[in-house]
Amino acid sequence: MVLFLWNQNIFSLNGTIFSVYDNNTPDQEILKHPQYNLISNLQTAFVRNVKTVGPSVVNLSKVQAEINFNSSHDSFYDNNSWFFSLKNLFDKYLSKKKYISKTIGSGVIINEKGYILTNYHVIEGNDKILVRLSDQRSFFADVIGVDSKTDLAVIKINSFRRLPQPVFGPSTEIKVGQWVMAIGNPYGLQGSVTVGVVSGVHRSNLGIATYENFLQTDAAINPGNSGGPLINLSGEIVGINTSVAALGSGVGFAIPIDIALRISGELINNGSVQRGWIGVGVQEMTPALFLAFKIHDSKKGVLVNNVENNAPAKKAGIMLGDIVLKYNGRHVRSVKNFQSMVADTQIGKQVFIDVIRDRLEKTLLITIGELTS
């Protein structure tokens, strides 16, 4: 038996569509079937999560102001200082301004002080950002800090009323196949919700940002959704939606919330982001390179092609030609993946790096330095 719940009143049973208002509907058979409770509970979770997380999702717009002032007398004012001063006073305090806004994306309130997390590409180049809350109140926002390398930014509004604060879940526990929901403002449609599953984790080499470690989802992420939350069935935010591969493709990406919160914390406290550095250049390993190094059980990893003098890597004993397999116990899957792991490591922390050298595996201890511009 295949049961599909279309909505509260319409069901599909073994491919046949029924209505609860239809006398021919096998109500008892539907209600007793375990799939009914499963789907009903899933629907309840979706509705509950929208009510819980929705108030913390905001609409972001870029703003232009038009001054409604008759400029035909400007030459008169320019030649009469008293009237010129009066005009300036009028322009500054009394003239009515018509604000034109256009939705550029979404954001998430991350604490009661009015800090909002969004994407860097959403606010890039926009001096005036208008934030509209779910209760339709609007505020102009100040930019606190941006990080183009992870496509994240923090802005702030000042509200006398208490602001909603969502719950964040550990994105490190996300599994492929889990249900997720994306909330945002696609095409300016505030509070829109889409549902899907996690299609992949640790996605990199996408060309979206310098440091990439994305969650992949088939929940629709359309223009205007960027900066909004990706949430799990428990109503916890597990990611910040950032990109869609192509419209209608069913492939979207989100920044894991653990990374987003760490970056936002540094932007709030320092105005910039500190990143780890070890001073090596690496390239992708290919089947041909594994063959050249006489390594027949092809493993993922990256090949060291440069070691800087006096860098942490040099001091730890990393050499040209080493193949880096693991970083602090985590498998290295690509150049982008390796760069992100190093950059995300706390300055001064000691980590183990597993390498292959002369077909033998070695473990080296390295102290992380700070990446400088």
Protein backbone atom coordinates (compact mmCIF):
# COMPACT_ATOMS: atom_id res chain seq x y z
CA MET A 1 0.00 0.00 0.00
CA VAL A 2 1.33 3.41 -0.98
CA LEU A 3 -0.15 6.35 0.92
CA PHE A 4 0.58 9.96 0.07
CA LEU A 5 -0.86 12.88 2.04
CA TRP A 6 -1.59 15.72 -0.36
CA ASN A 7 -3.01 17.95 2.38
CA GLN A 8 -5.26 17.56 5.40
CA ASN A 9 -8.21 16.50 3.25
CA ILE A 10 -6.79 14.72 0.20
CA PHE A 11 -4.96 11.39 0.14
CA SER A 12 -3.53 9.10 -2.51
CA LEU A 13 -3.91 5.41 -1.71
CA ASN A 14 -2.26 2.91 -4.08
CA GLY A 15 -2.25 5.57 -6.79
CA THR A 16 -5.95 6.45 -6.38
CA ILE A 17 -6.81 9.93 -5.08
CA PHE A 18 -9.49 10.21 -2.37
CA SER A 19 -11.05 13.03 -0.41
CA VAL A 20 -12.05 12.79 3.23
CA TYR A 21 -15.37 14.22 2.11
CA ASP A 22 -15.88 11.36 -0.36
CA ASN A 23 -18.09 8.58 0.98
CA ASN A 24 -15.99 6.07 -0.95
CA THR A 25 -12.80 7.02 0.89
CA PRO A 26 -11.56 4.08 2.99
CA ASP A 27 -11.20 6.33 6.07
CA GLN A 28 -10.53 3.60 8.59
CA GLU A 29 -7.96 1.95 6.36
CA ILE A 30 -6.13 5.26 5.91
CA LEU A 31 -6.28 6.33 9.53
CA LYS A 32 -5.06 2.96 10.80
CA HIS A 33 -2.16 2.74 8.38
CA PRO A 34 1.22 3.55 10.02
CA GLN A 35 2.23 5.72 7.07
CA TYR A 36 -0.64 8.07 7.89
CA ASN A 37 0.83 8.89 11.30
CA LEU A 38 4.29 9.21 9.79
CA ILE A 39 3.21 11.71 7.13
CA SER A 40 0.87 13.53 9.49
CA ASN A 41 3.67 13.98 12.04
CA LEU A 42 5.99 15.19 9.28
CA GLN A 43 3.44 17.78 8.21
CA THR A 44 3.00 18.89 11.82
CA ALA A 45 6.77 19.34 12.15
CA PHE A 46 6.89 21.49 9.02
CA VAL A 47 4.12 23.77 10.27
CA ARG A 48 5.61 24.01 13.77
CA ASN A 49 9.05 24.88 12.45
CA VAL A 50 7.74 27.68 10.26
CA LYS A 51 6.00 29.21 13.29
CA THR A 52 9.12 28.79 15.43
CA VAL A 53 11.85 29.93 13.05
CA GLY A 54 9.85 32.21 10.74
CA PRO A 55 9.86 35.28 13.02
CA SER A 56 13.68 35.34 13.02
CA VAL A 57 13.90 35.44 9.21
CA VAL A 58 14.11 38.93 7.72
CA ASN A 59 13.76 40.48 4.28
CA LEU A 60 16.68 42.58 3.05
CA SER A 61 16.21 45.34 0.48
CA LYS A 62 18.47 47.88 -1.13
CA VAL A 63 17.13 51.41 -0.89
CA GLN A 64 17.28 54.52 -2.99
CA ALA A 65 15.77 57.81 -1.81
CA GLU A 66 14.10 60.31 -4.09
CA ILE A 67 13.64 63.86 -2.73
CA ASN A 68 10.31 65.36 -3.71
CA PHE A 69 11.45 68.94 -4.18
CA ASN A 70 10.78 71.43 -6.95
CA SER A 71 14.25 72.11 -8.35
CA SER A 72 13.11 74.75 -10.87
CA HIS A 73 14.10 77.54 -8.46
CA ASP A 74 17.59 76.21 -7.69
CA SER A 75 19.31 79.07 -9.53
CA PHE A 76 17.38 81.58 -7.43
CA TYR A 77 18.46 79.87 -4.21
CA ASP A 78 22.05 79.65 -5.40
CA ASN A 79 22.19 83.44 -5.85
CA ASN A 80 20.50 84.29 -2.54
CA SER A 81 22.40 83.02 0.48
CA TRP A 82 19.48 83.36 2.90
CA PHE A 83 17.18 81.32 0.68
CA PHE A 84 19.99 78.86 -0.02
CA SER A 85 20.34 78.20 3.71
CA LEU A 86 16.57 77.81 3.99
CA LYS A 87 16.60 75.30 1.14
CA ASN A 88 19.31 73.24 2.85
CA LEU A 89 17.28 73.23 6.07
CA PHE A 90 14.19 72.15 4.16
CA ASP A 91 16.07 69.38 2.35
CA LYS A 92 17.53 68.01 5.56
CA TYR A 93 14.56 68.10 7.91
CA LEU A 94 11.28 68.92 6.20
CA SER A 95 11.24 67.53 2.69
CA LYS A 96 9.30 64.35 2.14
CA LYS A 97 11.40 61.51 0.79
CA LYS A 98 10.06 58.61 -1.20
CA TYR A 99 12.08 55.46 -0.57
CA ILE A 100 12.30 52.93 -3.37
CA SER A 101 13.32 49.46 -2.21
CA LYS A 102 14.10 46.22 -4.01
CA THR A 103 14.50 42.86 -2.31
CA ILE A 104 18.07 41.58 -2.49
CA GLY A 105 17.89 38.60 -0.15
CA SER A 106 17.20 37.27 3.31
CA GLY A 107 18.85 37.20 6.71
CA VAL A 108 18.56 35.56 10.12
CA ILE A 109 18.42 37.34 13.47
CA ILE A 110 21.08 35.57 15.53
CA ASN A 111 20.61 37.28 18.89
CA GLU A 112 18.38 39.70 20.77
CA LYS A 113 20.81 42.60 20.27
CA GLY A 114 19.75 42.88 16.64
CA TYR A 115 22.67 41.19 14.89
CA ILE A 116 21.63 39.60 11.59
CA LEU A 117 23.56 37.00 9.62
CA THR A 118 23.35 36.99 5.83
CA ASN A 119 25.46 36.46 2.71
CA TYR A 120 28.20 38.85 1.66
CA HIS A 121 27.00 38.80 -1.95
CA VAL A 122 23.53 39.91 -0.79
CA ILE A 123 24.70 43.21 0.70
CA GLU A 124 27.79 43.79 -1.44
CA GLY A 125 27.81 47.31 -2.86
CA ASN A 126 24.61 48.38 -1.09
CA ASP A 127 25.11 51.37 1.21
CA LYS A 128 21.53 51.54 2.46
CA ILE A 129 20.04 48.23 3.57
CA LEU A 130 16.43 48.08 4.71
CA VAL A 131 15.50 45.21 7.02
CA ARG A 132 11.86 44.16 7.20
CA LEU A 133 10.86 41.87 10.06
CA SER A 134 8.13 39.25 9.94
CA ASP A 135 5.84 41.65 11.85
CA GLN A 136 6.38 44.18 9.00
CA ARG A 137 8.47 46.61 11.08
CA SER A 138 11.33 48.08 9.06
CA PHE A 139 14.79 49.31 10.08
CA PHE A 140 17.87 50.61 8.33
CA ALA A 141 20.83 48.37 9.13
CA ASP A 142 24.49 49.06 9.88
CA VAL A 143 27.10 46.76 8.35
CA ILE A 144 29.17 45.27 11.19
CA GLY A 145 31.56 43.15 9.15
CA VAL A 146 31.88 41.12 5.96
CA ASP A 147 33.89 38.08 4.92
CA SER A 148 33.93 37.61 1.16
CA LYS A 149 36.02 34.44 1.44
CA THR A 150 33.11 32.54 3.00
CA ASP A 151 30.33 34.73 1.54
CA LEU A 152 29.11 35.81 4.98
CA ALA A 153 28.21 39.17 6.48
CA VAL A 154 26.77 40.57 9.71
CA ILE A 155 24.50 43.61 9.87
CA LYS A 156 22.71 45.15 12.87
CA ILE A 157 19.42 46.87 13.59
CA ASN A 158 18.29 48.71 16.72
CA SER A 159 14.88 47.72 18.04
CA PHE A 160 13.29 48.72 21.34
CA ARG A 161 11.19 45.57 21.30
CA ARG A 162 12.65 42.19 22.06
CA LEU A 163 13.71 40.36 18.91
CA PRO A 164 13.13 36.64 18.31
CA GLN A 165 16.12 34.36 18.63
CA PRO A 166 16.22 30.99 16.85
CA VAL A 167 17.79 27.73 18.00
CA PHE A 168 20.93 26.52 16.24
CA GLY A 169 21.72 22.85 15.69
CA PRO A 170 25.12 21.21 15.18
CA SER A 171 25.67 21.05 11.43
CA THR A 172 28.45 18.50 11.99
CA GLU A 173 25.75 15.91 12.74
CA ILE A 174 23.88 16.46 9.47
CA LYS A 175 23.44 13.26 7.45
CA VAL A 176 22.65 12.80 3.78
CA GLY A 177 18.94 12.06 3.42
CA GLN A 178 17.76 14.19 6.35
CA TRP A 179 14.72 16.39 5.82
CA VAL A 180 15.42 20.13 5.75
CA MET A 181 13.44 23.31 5.12
CA ALA A 182 14.57 26.56 3.51
CA ILE A 183 12.88 29.83 4.53
CA GLY A 184 13.44 33.10 2.72
CA ASN A 185 12.09 35.77 0.42
CA PRO A 186 12.40 34.53 -3.17
CA TYR A 187 11.41 37.21 -5.67
CA GLY A 188 10.40 39.40 -2.72
CA LEU A 189 7.76 36.93 -1.51
CA GLN A 190 8.32 37.17 2.23
CA GLY A 191 8.26 34.06 4.39
CA SER A 192 8.32 31.50 1.57
CA VAL A 193 9.08 27.91 2.58
CA THR A 194 10.51 25.02 0.57
CA VAL A 195 11.20 21.46 1.69
CA GLY A 196 13.75 18.88 0.63
CA VAL A 197 16.52 16.64 1.87
CA VAL A 198 20.25 16.98 2.41
CA SER A 199 21.74 15.70 -0.84
CA GLY A 200 25.39 15.95 0.17
CA VAL A 201 27.84 17.35 2.71
CA HIS A 202 31.35 18.83 2.53
CA ARG A 203 30.81 20.10 -1.01
CA SER A 204 33.72 22.13 -2.40
CA ASN A 205 35.30 23.18 -5.72
CA LEU A 206 32.08 24.96 -6.63
CA GLY A 207 33.51 28.39 -7.37
CA ILE A 208 31.16 30.07 -4.89
CA ALA A 209 33.69 31.21 -2.29
CA THR A 210 37.39 30.96 -1.46
CA TYR A 211 36.74 28.58 1.43
CA GLU A 212 34.01 26.04 0.66
CA ASN A 213 32.48 23.34 2.82
CA PHE A 214 28.84 23.41 1.78
CA LEU A 215 25.75 21.40 2.56
CA GLN A 216 23.90 20.42 -0.61
CA THR A 217 20.09 20.27 -0.67
CA ASP A 218 17.29 19.81 -3.18
CA ALA A 219 15.07 22.22 -1.23
CA ALA A 220 14.43 25.02 -3.73
CA ILE A 221 16.74 28.00 -3.14
CA ASN A 222 15.63 30.77 -5.48
CA PRO A 223 16.85 34.37 -5.92
CA GLY A 224 16.00 36.15 -2.68
CA ASN A 225 16.47 33.03 -0.54
CA SER A 226 20.18 33.72 -0.12
CA GLY A 227 21.01 34.51 3.49
CA GLY A 228 17.97 32.69 4.85
CA PRO A 229 18.10 29.65 7.13
CA LEU A 230 18.19 25.95 6.36
CA ILE A 231 16.49 24.16 9.25
CA ASN A 232 16.09 20.54 10.36
CA LEU A 233 12.92 18.80 11.52
CA SER A 234 13.65 19.81 15.12
CA GLY A 235 13.34 23.47 14.18
CA GLU A 236 17.08 24.10 14.51
CA ILE A 237 19.01 26.20 12.01
CA VAL A 238 21.74 24.04 10.48
CA GLY A 239 22.83 26.23 7.58
CA ILE A 240 22.69 29.59 5.81
CA ASN A 241 21.37 29.29 2.26
CA THR A 242 23.80 30.82 -0.16
CA SER A 243 23.48 29.60 -3.73
CA VAL A 244 21.63 27.56 -6.31
CA ALA A 245 23.49 25.79 -9.10
CA ALA A 246 20.91 26.82 -11.72
CA LEU A 247 17.27 27.77 -11.63
CA GLY A 248 15.13 24.64 -11.62
CA SER A 249 18.14 22.36 -11.15
CA GLY A 250 17.17 21.09 -7.71
CA VAL A 251 20.72 21.70 -6.47
CA GLY A 252 21.24 24.33 -3.79
CA PHE A 253 23.96 24.98 -1.24
CA ALA A 254 24.11 26.22 2.34
CA ILE A 255 26.97 27.22 4.63
CA PRO A 256 27.01 24.94 7.72
CA ILE A 257 25.80 26.91 10.73
CA ASP A 258 28.82 25.93 12.85
CA ILE A 259 31.07 27.73 10.36
CA ALA A 260 28.64 30.64 9.93
CA LEU A 261 28.37 31.29 13.68
CA ARG A 262 32.14 31.16 14.16
CA ILE A 263 32.68 33.65 11.35
CA SER A 264 29.87 35.92 12.56
CA GLY A 265 31.28 35.88 16.09
CA GLU A 266 34.66 37.08 14.83
CA LEU A 267 33.04 39.76 12.69
CA ILE A 268 31.02 41.03 15.67
CA ASN A 269 33.94 40.98 18.09
CA ASN A 270 36.83 41.94 15.81
CA GLY A 271 35.35 43.27 12.59
CA SER A 272 37.43 40.75 10.65
CA VAL A 273 38.24 37.03 10.55
CA GLN A 274 41.46 35.35 11.67
CA ARG A 275 42.49 32.29 9.68
CA GLY A 276 44.95 29.49 10.15
CA TRP A 277 48.02 29.11 7.94
CA ILE A 278 50.78 26.54 7.56
CA GLY A 279 52.63 27.82 4.50
CA VAL A 280 52.27 25.12 1.86
CA GLY A 281 51.10 25.02 -1.73
CA VAL A 282 49.10 21.96 -2.74
CA GLN A 283 47.51 20.50 -5.86
CA GLU A 284 44.93 17.83 -6.57
CA MET A 285 46.02 14.20 -6.73
CA THR A 286 45.09 12.36 -9.92
CA PRO A 287 45.22 8.67 -10.88
CA ALA A 288 48.27 9.47 -13.02
CA LEU A 289 50.06 11.03 -10.05
CA PHE A 290 49.26 8.06 -7.82
CA LEU A 291 50.74 5.82 -10.51
CA ALA A 292 53.83 8.04 -10.82
CA PHE A 293 54.37 7.86 -7.06
CA LYS A 294 53.91 4.06 -7.28
CA ILE A 295 50.91 4.16 -4.97
CA HIS A 296 48.50 1.56 -6.29
CA ASP A 297 45.71 1.71 -3.71
CA SER A 298 44.49 5.15 -4.86
CA LYS A 299 43.65 7.34 -1.91
CA LYS A 300 42.28 10.84 -1.80
CA GLY A 301 44.60 13.61 -0.71
CA VAL A 302 46.56 16.58 -1.99
CA LEU A 303 50.14 16.83 -3.21
CA VAL A 304 52.52 19.35 -1.61
CA ASN A 305 54.18 21.37 -4.40
CA ASN A 306 55.60 24.23 -2.33
CA VAL A 307 56.80 24.75 1.25
CA GLU A 308 57.54 28.30 2.40
CA ASN A 309 60.69 29.01 4.39
CA ASN A 310 60.20 29.49 8.13
CA ALA A 311 56.53 28.48 7.78
CA PRO A 312 54.83 26.14 10.27
CA ALA A 313 54.86 23.36 7.65
CA LYS A 314 58.62 23.69 7.17
CA LYS A 315 59.21 23.57 10.91
CA ALA A 316 56.99 20.49 11.22
CA GLY A 317 58.97 18.60 8.59
CA ILE A 318 56.55 18.67 5.66
CA MET A 319 58.45 18.25 2.38
CA LEU A 320 57.90 18.72 -1.34
CA GLY A 321 56.23 15.63 -2.78
CA ASP A 322 54.41 14.69 0.43
CA ILE A 323 50.84 13.54 -0.13
CA VAL A 324 48.58 14.88 2.62
CA LEU A 325 45.94 12.27 3.48
CA LYS A 326 44.50 13.48 6.79
CA TYR A 327 44.31 16.74 8.68
CA ASN A 328 43.78 16.31 12.41
CA GLY A 329 42.12 12.95 11.83
CA ARG A 330 39.86 14.14 8.99
CA HIS A 331 40.30 12.85 5.45
CA VAL A 332 41.52 15.39 2.91
CA ARG A 333 39.26 15.21 -0.15
CA SER A 334 40.44 18.14 -2.28
CA VAL A 335 42.56 21.29 -2.34
CA LYS A 336 39.57 23.45 -1.34
CA ASN A 337 38.70 21.06 1.45
CA PHE A 338 42.27 21.12 2.80
CA GLN A 339 42.49 24.92 2.60
CA SER A 340 39.20 25.30 4.44
CA MET A 341 40.24 22.95 7.24
CA VAL A 342 43.51 24.80 7.78
CA ALA A 343 41.84 28.22 7.64
CA ASP A 344 39.18 27.14 10.16
CA THR A 345 41.77 26.03 12.73
CA GLN A 346 42.49 28.21 15.76
CA ILE A 347 45.77 30.11 15.67
CA GLY A 348 48.40 28.40 17.83
CA LYS A 349 46.61 25.05 17.92
CA GLN A 350 48.67 21.91 17.35
CA VAL A 351 47.27 19.39 14.87
CA PHE A 352 48.41 16.10 13.36
CA ILE A 353 48.90 15.80 9.61
CA ASP A 354 49.16 12.35 8.01
CA VAL A 355 51.25 12.19 4.84
CA ILE A 356 52.62 9.59 2.44
CA ARG A 357 56.34 9.94 1.74
CA ASP A 358 58.29 7.33 -0.23
CA ARG A 359 55.18 5.10 -0.08
CA LEU A 360 55.27 5.16 3.73
CA GLU A 361 52.72 6.91 5.92
CA LYS A 362 54.01 9.43 8.46
CA THR A 363 52.25 11.55 11.08
CA LEU A 364 53.59 15.05 11.71
CA LEU A 365 52.68 17.54 14.45
CA ILE A 366 52.25 21.12 13.29
CA THR A 367 51.48 24.38 15.09
CA ILE A 368 49.03 26.58 13.19
CA GLY A 369 50.15 30.10 12.28
CA GLU A 370 48.05 33.09 11.27
CA LEU A 371 47.22 33.94 7.68
CA THR A 372 48.03 37.56 6.92
CA SER A 373 46.93 39.61 3.94
